[in-house]
Protein backbone atom coordinates (compact mmCIF):
# COMPACT_ATOMS: atom_id res chain seq x y z
CA MET A 1 37.80 -17.17 53.28
CA SER A 2 38.22 -21.19 52.56
CA ALA A 3 38.65 -20.22 49.10
CA MET A 4 41.62 -17.71 50.06
CA GLY A 5 42.97 -20.75 52.20
CA GLU A 6 42.55 -23.41 49.15
CA GLU A 7 44.39 -20.87 46.69
CA THR A 8 47.08 -20.57 49.24
CA SER A 9 47.29 -24.79 49.85
CA THR A 10 47.25 -25.38 45.91
CA HIS A 11 50.33 -22.49 45.89
CA ALA A 12 52.13 -24.55 48.26
CA ARG A 13 51.74 -28.24 46.46
CA ARG A 14 52.40 -26.57 43.29
CA ARG A 15 55.73 -25.11 44.39
CA ARG A 16 56.71 -28.22 45.59
CA MET A 17 55.89 -30.39 42.92
CA GLU A 18 58.45 -27.76 41.11
CA ILE A 19 61.36 -28.29 43.77
CA PHE A 20 60.94 -31.92 43.83
CA ALA A 21 61.32 -32.08 39.47
CA PHE A 22 63.74 -30.14 39.54
CA LEU A 23 66.15 -31.88 41.66
CA PHE A 24 64.74 -35.09 40.69
CA LEU A 25 66.15 -33.23 37.31
CA THR A 26 69.80 -32.37 38.61
CA ALA A 27 69.96 -35.06 41.19
CA VAL A 28 68.98 -38.06 39.16
CA LEU A 29 67.95 -37.59 35.30
CA MET A 30 71.50 -35.24 34.66
CA PRO A 31 73.48 -37.51 35.32
CA ALA A 32 71.51 -40.66 34.36
CA LEU A 33 72.27 -39.12 31.06
CA ALA A 34 75.43 -38.05 31.41
CA VAL A 35 76.28 -41.22 32.24
CA ALA A 36 74.82 -43.23 29.72
CA THR A 37 76.33 -40.91 27.30
CA VAL A 38 79.87 -40.73 27.55
CA GLY A 39 79.11 -44.73 28.31
CA GLY A 40 77.57 -44.89 24.49
CA TYR A 41 80.40 -43.30 23.69
CA GLY A 42 83.42 -45.23 25.29
CA LEU A 43 80.85 -48.55 23.60
CA THR A 44 81.37 -46.61 19.97
CA VAL A 45 84.63 -46.34 19.56
CA TRP A 46 85.51 -49.81 21.67
CA VAL A 47 83.49 -51.14 18.87
CA TYR A 48 85.09 -49.12 16.13
CA GLN A 49 88.74 -50.20 17.03
CA MET A 50 87.24 -53.90 17.63
CA ILE A 51 86.58 -53.64 13.47
CA ALA A 52 88.44 -51.04 11.78
CA GLY A 53 91.71 -51.81 14.77
CA PRO A 54 93.63 -49.88 17.07
CA PRO A 55 95.19 -46.07 16.45
CA GLY A 56 98.68 -45.65 15.76
CA PRO A 57 100.93 -46.62 12.70
CA PRO A 58 100.89 -50.17 10.64
CA PRO A 59 102.51 -52.50 11.81
CA ARG A 60 105.49 -53.47 9.67
């Protein structure tokens, strides 16, 4: 009977770790990646505009 108890305990621990991994991915990692992606794109555009000038028609 102790083998059955160990199997249930291992299953419960694995399920807990899967839930923790899911919550970590959805609540921490994905928002951080989204902010980093948008921030990186904004920085790229900003640096490009410092070099090439702002968008719009050329000044007269």
